[in-house]
Protein backbone atom coordinates (compact mmCIF):
# COMPACT_ATOMS: atom_id res chain seq x y z
CA MET A 1 85.53 85.91 86.83
CA THR A 2 86.25 84.20 83.22
CA PRO A 3 87.44 81.00 84.24
CA PRO A 4 91.01 79.60 82.87
CA SER A 5 91.32 79.02 79.03
CA ASN A 6 91.82 74.87 78.46
CA GLN A 7 93.07 75.35 75.01
CA PRO A 8 96.57 74.27 75.20
CA LEU A 9 98.82 74.00 72.79
CA CYS A 10 101.73 71.93 71.00
CA GLY A 11 104.76 72.48 72.84
CA VAL A 12 106.44 71.35 68.98
CA CYS A 13 105.25 72.89 66.67
CA ALA A 14 102.56 75.58 68.70
CA THR A 15 99.11 74.39 66.30
CA LYS A 16 96.50 73.50 69.07
CA LEU A 17 95.82 70.34 70.61
CA VAL A 18 92.89 68.40 70.63
CA LYS A 19 91.31 65.17 73.01
CA ASN A 20 92.68 62.43 72.99
CA GLY A 21 91.42 59.85 75.33
CA LYS A 22 93.05 59.43 79.13
CA THR A 23 95.79 58.93 81.13
CA SER A 24 96.08 55.36 83.26
CA ALA A 25 95.74 58.07 86.00
CA GLY A 26 92.86 59.28 84.71
CA ARG A 27 94.44 62.57 83.65
CA THR A 28 93.18 64.53 79.98
CA ARG A 29 95.02 63.22 77.52
CA TRP A 30 95.83 65.78 74.31
CA ARG A 31 97.68 65.09 70.68
CA CYS A 32 98.54 67.09 67.73
CA LYS A 33 96.86 66.65 64.80
CA ASN A 34 100.00 68.68 62.60
CA CYS A 35 102.82 66.77 64.01
CA GLY A 36 101.05 64.35 66.21
CA ALA A 37 102.64 64.50 69.47
CA SER A 38 100.97 63.60 72.46
CA ALA A 39 101.36 65.21 75.49
CA THR A 40 99.06 65.50 79.51
CA ARG A 41 98.66 69.44 81.21
CA ALA A 42 98.41 70.30 84.47
CA ARG A 43 96.35 72.64 85.27
CA THR A 44 97.55 74.59 87.65
CA ASP A 45 95.32 76.67 87.90
CA VAL A 46 92.23 75.38 88.25
CA THR A 47 94.39 73.05 90.92
CA ALA A 48 95.33 76.16 92.72
CA LYS A 49 91.82 77.84 92.85
CA ALA A 50 90.20 74.67 93.84
CA GLN A 51 92.73 74.68 96.93
CA LEU A 52 92.06 78.13 97.56
CA LYS A 53 88.39 78.29 97.75
CA GLU A 54 88.47 75.55 99.97
CA PHE A 55 90.97 77.00 102.34
CA ILE A 56 88.42 80.32 102.55
CA GLY A 57 86.49 78.29 102.97
CA TRP A 58 87.91 76.79 106.09
CA LEU A 59 88.32 80.09 107.15
CA LEU A 60 86.07 81.91 107.41
CA GLY A 61 83.78 79.05 109.11
CA LYS A 62 83.92 77.12 112.02
CA ASP A 63 85.14 73.73 110.54
CA SER A 64 89.17 72.36 111.55
CA GLN A 65 91.42 71.26 109.55
CA ARG A 66 91.23 68.07 110.85
CA SER A 67 87.41 67.42 109.56
CA ALA A 68 88.46 69.32 106.98
CA ASP A 69 90.56 66.61 104.82
CA GLY A 70 88.92 63.94 107.07
CA GLY A 71 92.24 63.23 108.20
CA THR A 72 95.18 64.50 110.68
CA GLY A 73 95.14 67.88 108.87
CA ARG A 74 99.06 67.87 107.57
CA SER A 75 97.43 67.10 104.04
CA PHE A 76 95.13 69.87 104.20
CA ARG A 77 97.92 72.63 105.10
CA ALA A 78 100.10 71.06 102.18
CA ARG A 79 97.57 71.86 100.19
CA THR A 80 96.56 75.55 101.53
CA GLY A 81 99.95 76.74 103.07
CA TRP A 82 100.67 79.11 100.09
CA CYS A 83 97.61 80.29 100.78
CA TRP A 84 98.85 82.27 103.84
CA GLN A 85 101.24 85.13 101.39
CA ILE A 86 98.55 86.14 100.29
CA GLU A 87 98.00 90.07 101.08
CA VAL A 88 94.72 91.25 101.39
CA PRO A 89 94.67 94.83 100.51
CA GLN A 90 92.75 97.89 102.11
CA PRO A 91 89.43 98.90 100.25
CA ALA A 92 90.29 101.34 97.64
CA PRO A 93 89.06 105.17 98.72
CA THR A 94 85.93 106.19 96.66
CA GLY A 95 85.85 109.97 98.09
CA GLU A 96 82.12 109.50 98.75
CA VAL A 97 81.09 112.11 102.37
CA HIS A 98 79.65 109.73 104.79
CA ARG A 99 76.81 110.70 107.16
CA GLN A 100 78.41 109.24 110.33
CA ILE A 101 80.92 106.68 110.45
CA ILE A 102 81.71 104.37 113.97
CA VAL A 103 85.44 103.75 115.09
CA ASP A 104 86.94 101.48 117.30
CA GLY A 105 89.80 99.39 118.14
CA THR A 106 89.50 95.37 119.17
CA TYR A 107 92.86 93.81 120.53
CA PHE A 108 94.22 89.81 120.43
CA GLN A 109 97.63 88.36 120.73
CA ASP A 110 99.63 91.86 120.71
CA TRP A 111 97.83 93.42 118.18
CA CYS A 112 94.45 96.16 117.73
CA VAL A 113 93.11 96.51 114.87
CA LEU A 114 90.85 100.20 114.53
CA ILE A 115 87.89 99.53 112.42
CA ALA A 116 85.78 102.19 110.56
CA PHE A 117 82.08 101.14 109.41
CA ASP A 118 79.43 103.38 108.41
CA GLY A 119 77.10 101.42 110.14
CA THR A 120 76.08 98.67 107.53
CA HIS A 121 79.65 98.01 105.34
CA VAL A 122 83.45 97.91 106.96
CA LEU A 123 85.51 101.13 105.57
CA GLY A 124 88.41 100.80 106.73
CA TRP A 125 90.83 99.27 109.27
CA GLN A 126 94.57 99.66 110.52
CA TRP A 127 96.74 97.66 111.97
CA CYS A 128 98.81 98.94 115.50
CA ASP A 129 100.18 97.66 118.80
CA HIS A 130 97.65 100.06 120.83
CA GLU A 131 95.44 103.20 119.31
CA LYS A 132 97.17 105.46 119.59
CA LYS A 133 97.42 109.09 117.54
CA ILE A 134 99.54 107.97 114.50
CA ALA A 135 97.53 104.54 113.88
CA TRP A 136 93.95 106.26 114.52
CA ALA A 137 95.63 109.12 112.12
CA GLN A 138 96.50 106.70 109.17
CA LEU A 139 92.91 104.83 109.16
CA LEU A 140 91.08 108.71 109.28
CA LYS A 141 92.84 110.37 106.13
CA ARG A 142 91.35 107.50 103.93
CA PHE A 143 88.72 108.78 104.12
CA PRO A 144 86.78 112.43 103.73
CA ALA A 145 85.32 114.04 106.68
CA PRO A 146 81.73 112.72 108.10
CA ASP A 147 79.22 114.79 109.81
CA VAL A 148 79.62 112.87 112.64
CA VAL A 149 81.69 110.35 114.42
CA VAL A 150 80.23 107.76 116.96
CA THR A 151 82.84 106.78 119.06
CA ASP A 152 84.10 104.80 122.53
CA GLY A 153 86.63 108.48 123.26
CA GLY A 154 89.86 105.83 122.93
CA ARG A 155 93.33 107.21 123.58
CA GLY A 156 94.91 109.01 120.46
CA LEU A 157 91.20 109.43 118.52
CA ARG A 158 90.87 112.89 119.23
CA SER A 159 94.38 114.66 118.22
CA ALA A 160 93.74 112.63 114.81
CA MET A 161 90.17 114.23 114.39
CA ASP A 162 92.02 117.68 115.12
CA GLN A 163 94.70 117.54 112.59
CA HIS A 164 92.20 115.45 109.45
CA TRP A 165 88.26 115.57 110.50
CA PRO A 166 88.37 119.34 112.70
CA GLN A 167 84.88 119.81 111.36
CA THR A 168 83.91 116.72 112.36
CA ARG A 169 80.88 116.24 115.46
CA ILE A 170 81.22 113.45 118.13
CA GLN A 171 79.00 111.46 119.54
CA ARG A 172 80.40 109.72 122.33
CA CYS A 173 78.94 105.70 123.02
CA TYR A 174 76.55 106.03 126.24
CA PHE A 175 77.69 101.99 127.52
CA HIS A 176 80.84 103.45 127.06
CA ILE A 177 80.81 106.16 129.61
CA LEU A 178 78.26 103.55 131.81
CA ALA A 179 81.25 101.78 131.81
CA ALA A 180 83.12 104.70 133.01
CA VAL A 181 80.78 106.11 135.01
CA ARG A 182 80.02 102.70 137.07
CA LYS A 183 84.41 102.46 136.86
CA HIS A 184 84.47 105.27 139.99
CA THR A 185 81.26 104.53 141.07
CA THR A 186 81.27 100.60 141.88
CA LEU A 187 77.66 99.13 141.14
CA ASN A 188 76.62 99.68 144.66
CA PRO A 189 77.74 103.54 145.22
CA ARG A 190 78.35 103.75 149.35
CA LEU A 191 77.32 107.40 149.27
CA GLU A 192 74.13 109.17 147.44
CA ALA A 193 76.20 110.91 145.56
CA GLY A 194 77.39 108.50 143.50
CA GLN A 195 74.09 106.51 143.30
CA GLU A 196 72.61 109.76 142.09
CA ILE A 197 75.39 110.35 139.23
CA LEU A 198 75.17 106.79 138.48
CA GLY A 199 71.09 106.62 138.39
CA LEU A 200 71.92 109.73 136.14
CA THR A 201 74.00 108.35 133.47
CA ARG A 202 71.61 105.11 133.05
CA GLN A 203 68.72 108.02 132.90
CA LEU A 204 71.44 108.53 129.28
CA MET A 205 69.67 105.62 127.79
CA ARG A 206 66.40 106.54 127.40
CA VAL A 207 66.92 110.19 126.08
CA LYS A 208 65.54 109.88 122.90
CA ASP A 209 64.05 113.77 122.00
CA LEU A 210 65.63 117.28 122.80
CA ASP A 211 63.33 117.43 125.68
CA ALA A 212 64.29 114.39 127.57
CA ALA A 213 67.87 115.73 127.06
CA ALA A 214 67.21 119.42 127.85
CA ALA A 215 65.43 117.75 131.27
CA TRP A 216 69.37 115.51 131.59
CA MET A 217 71.20 118.35 131.62
CA GLY A 218 69.33 120.65 134.57
CA SER A 219 69.42 117.25 136.79
CA TYR A 220 72.76 116.94 135.90
CA ALA A 221 73.35 120.77 136.91
CA SER A 222 71.04 120.27 139.89
CA TRP A 223 73.30 117.52 140.59
CA GLU A 224 76.80 119.28 140.81
CA ALA A 225 75.48 121.93 142.51
CA GLN A 226 73.93 119.75 145.71
CA TRP A 227 77.24 118.10 146.38
CA GLU A 228 79.77 120.27 144.92
CA ALA A 229 80.83 121.09 149.08
CA LEU A 230 81.31 118.00 148.68
CA LEU A 231 83.72 117.02 146.39
CA LYS A 232 85.43 120.12 147.84
CA GLN A 233 86.28 117.74 150.96
CA ARG A 234 89.91 117.07 151.50
CA THR A 235 92.11 114.95 153.46
CA PHE A 236 95.27 115.98 155.01
CA TYR A 237 98.00 113.26 155.65
CA ARG A 238 99.39 111.78 158.92
CA PRO A 239 101.46 109.28 160.12
CA GLY A 240 99.70 106.38 159.13
CA THR A 241 97.28 107.05 156.93
CA ASP A 242 97.68 105.32 153.00
CA ARG A 243 97.78 107.31 150.17
CA PRO A 244 95.44 106.79 147.43
CA ARG A 245 96.54 105.26 144.29
CA GLY A 246 98.51 108.24 142.86
CA VAL A 247 98.82 110.75 145.35
CA GLY A 248 102.93 111.48 145.65
CA ARG A 249 104.68 111.41 149.27
CA HIS A 250 105.62 115.11 148.41
CA ARG A 251 101.52 116.24 148.97
CA THR A 252 100.41 116.98 152.40
CA TRP A 253 96.60 116.35 151.32
CA TRP A 254 94.03 114.91 148.88
CA TYR A 255 90.99 115.34 147.94
CA THR A 256 88.34 113.23 149.73
CA HIS A 257 85.97 111.95 147.49
CA ARG A 258 88.79 111.80 144.21
CA SER A 259 86.37 109.05 142.05
CA LEU A 260 83.64 111.49 142.06
CA ARG A 261 85.51 114.21 140.67
CA SER A 262 86.80 111.55 138.29
CA VAL A 263 82.37 110.50 136.75
CA ARG A 264 82.49 115.29 137.08
CA ALA A 265 84.90 115.47 135.00
CA LEU A 266 84.02 113.21 131.86
CA TYR A 267 80.57 114.65 132.23
CA ARG A 268 82.43 118.60 131.85
CA GLN A 269 84.48 117.34 129.32
CA LEU A 270 80.94 115.70 127.44
CA ILE A 271 79.56 118.24 128.11
CA ALA A 272 82.17 121.21 126.72
CA ASP A 273 82.54 118.82 123.75
CA ASP A 274 79.04 118.65 122.74
CA SER A 275 79.07 115.25 122.02
CA LEU A 276 75.97 113.60 124.53
CA PHE A 277 73.47 114.72 122.49
CA THR A 278 75.13 114.95 119.10
CA PHE A 279 73.04 112.41 118.00
CA LEU A 280 69.73 114.28 117.97
CA ALA A 281 70.79 117.43 116.46
CA ALA A 282 68.20 118.49 113.67
CA ASP A 283 70.33 118.69 110.49
CA LEU A 284 71.17 115.41 111.57
CA ASN A 285 68.21 113.87 111.22
CA ASP A 286 65.79 114.00 108.04
CA GLU A 287 63.72 111.45 106.78
CA HIS A 288 64.93 110.09 104.46
CA SER A 289 68.47 109.11 106.27
CA PRO A 290 68.59 106.39 109.26
CA PRO A 291 68.92 108.00 112.53
CA VAL A 292 72.73 108.19 113.54
CA ALA A 293 73.62 105.64 115.89
CA ARG A 294 74.24 106.74 120.21
CA THR A 295 76.82 103.98 120.77
CA THR A 296 79.44 102.09 118.84
CA SER A 297 77.11 98.85 119.04
CA PRO A 298 76.66 98.31 115.74
CA LEU A 299 80.36 97.39 115.38
CA GLU A 300 80.67 96.21 118.06
CA GLY A 301 77.99 93.28 117.84
CA TRP A 302 79.20 93.03 113.93
CA PRO A 303 82.59 93.40 112.77
CA ASN A 304 84.67 92.90 116.18
CA ARG A 305 82.05 89.96 117.28
CA ALA A 306 83.05 88.19 113.92
CA ILE A 307 86.95 88.69 115.04
CA LYS A 308 86.30 87.21 118.07
CA ASP A 309 84.27 84.50 117.04
CA LEU A 310 87.06 84.02 113.85
CA LEU A 311 89.99 83.73 116.74
CA ARG A 312 87.91 81.08 118.75
CA HIS A 313 87.04 79.06 116.12
CA HIS A 314 90.42 78.95 114.83
CA LYS A 315 93.57 78.34 118.64
CA GLY A 316 96.50 79.15 117.98
CA LEU A 317 97.07 80.94 115.41
CA THR A 318 100.16 82.40 115.13
CA GLY A 319 100.36 86.28 115.45
CA ASP A 320 100.47 86.89 111.01
CA HIS A 321 98.38 84.61 110.44
CA ALA A 322 95.44 85.80 112.81
CA ARG A 323 96.26 89.16 110.92
CA THR A 324 96.42 87.18 107.96
CA ALA A 325 93.14 85.69 108.76
CA VAL A 326 91.07 89.08 110.06
CA ASP A 327 92.37 90.36 106.67
CA TRP A 328 90.06 88.25 104.72
CA LEU A 329 87.55 88.66 107.01
CA LEU A 330 86.48 91.64 107.80
CA ASN A 331 87.38 92.65 103.72
CA THR A 332 84.04 90.11 103.07
CA LEU A 333 82.26 92.56 105.00
CA THR A 334 83.17 95.77 102.84
CA GLU A 335 80.65 96.60 100.34
CA HIS A 336 82.34 95.63 97.30
CA PRO A 337 84.73 92.64 98.81
CA LEU A 338 87.98 92.06 96.85
CA ASP A 339 87.89 88.36 94.77
CA PRO A 340 90.06 85.78 96.59
CA TRP A 341 91.36 84.02 93.63
CA GLU A 342 92.06 87.56 91.55
CA LEU A 343 94.00 88.45 95.09
CA ALA A 344 95.85 85.24 94.16
CA GLU A 345 96.88 85.72 91.28
CA GLN A 346 98.11 88.20 91.38
CA HIS A 347 100.51 86.95 93.99
CA ARG A 348 101.65 84.30 92.12
CA ARG A 349 102.61 86.99 89.30
CA ARG A 350 104.62 88.33 92.00
CA ALA A 351 106.05 85.18 93.15
CA LYS A 352 107.15 84.44 89.66
CA ASP A 353 108.55 87.86 88.69
CA SER A 354 110.24 88.02 92.01
CA THR A 355 111.80 83.85 91.45
CA PRO A 356 115.55 84.72 90.29
CA GLN A 357 116.62 83.67 87.09
CA LYS A 358 119.91 80.93 86.14
CA PRO A 359 122.52 83.02 84.68
CA VAL A 360 122.93 82.63 81.85
CA THR A 361 126.34 81.11 80.18
CA GLU A 362 128.76 81.11 76.91
CA GLU A 363 130.08 78.01 76.15
CA PRO A 364 133.27 77.29 75.62
CA LEU A 365 134.68 76.59 71.63
CA GLY A 366 136.55 73.96 72.55
CA PRO A 367 137.18 71.74 75.36
CA GLU A 368 137.57 73.52 79.16
CA ALA A 369 141.31 74.57 79.52
CA TYR A 370 141.77 73.83 76.20
CA GLY A 371 146.28 74.57 75.21
CA THR A 372 146.88 74.41 78.61
CA GLY A 373 147.33 70.19 79.61
CA ILE A 374 150.81 68.64 79.57
CA THR A 375 151.93 65.93 76.71
CA ALA A 376 154.62 63.32 76.69
CA GLU A 377 156.52 65.92 74.40
CA ASP A 378 156.73 67.98 77.13
CA GLY A 379 158.31 65.84 79.57
CA LEU A 380 156.05 66.13 82.17
CA TRP A 381 154.10 62.53 82.87
CA SER A 382 154.39 61.12 86.07
CA ARG A 383 157.36 58.22 85.69
CA LYS A 384 156.39 55.69 87.63
CA GLY A 385 158.13 51.87 87.81
CA TRP A 386 161.32 50.75 88.03
CA ALA A 387 163.19 53.37 85.45
CA GLY A 388 166.47 54.87 86.21
CA ARG A 389 167.51 51.93 88.37
CA GLY A 390 170.75 50.00 87.68
């Protein structure tokens, strides 16, 4: 960016000023050769640029405000307080069709930020209170439909994809599949059926080709067939029997192994959606392109981790300040980060344009209330003293 101009003009005759030494405070003194006027110039642009650089350095770093100014931090907050008002816009859409987009949401305080990531750069983000269809739709509609989306199966995403990216294939994150299965079976399943399905889930991480995928599908089909009778077992209500969570009082029976049935329902849905082994599809793998991710780890381990680290380094930020801090961070992770000073100049121009102008009043032609004051001839002067007394 071109540095601010340092060629002031005379405020009297608009002639170019020349340097004429310094003041006792160390500021440059300027003099007009035409009319001899002398002046100093306050470089508010240079000062603001230095303050913004200091603010961004602190915000994206690990230092506290105390260490930023070597004191209590009050002077730092006074200098850089205006920087919190700068809005960081979303990256401009380029129209590029991406081969894969990894999406995920991360939570902090009362906010959730949904992030779209191509494996190398952040493509965009969306703020919401929690993952839901309308929030995902606002994010997805900014980009052309990619070939595949890698997701953890967050709520509302599938509905938003059906609306905006109906032809895009899905690859479910293996780590999140394992977490969902472990939630139902625990780390040490009591039943043999639970031990087997947990072991099969762990084997997913070792599937790296189509032959291994076919073998895994065969093992899962065998698991369903072997334990079909077990999964159909029912428990009937008797006085004193505790009802499982989610079973209404009107129910007289429920399935005994509800957790294992939930695992089976999860895998049946994944198989029906064809979202288990999308990363192995032949048309998505060629020698000129990097492999499709099978987990959301690239997003979890970079942008999401960076957000958590940022908020941990600057504990105590208000909700608005935390959102602004995350906006600045995500901007640095885009392919073409926006220049902070250009954003600051836009903010300063908007603030200047929105400043209300002092109304211009017409100067009266004569003295105030001209022609309406009382005179001695009117006999209306206030009477004082002993006048009129005998």
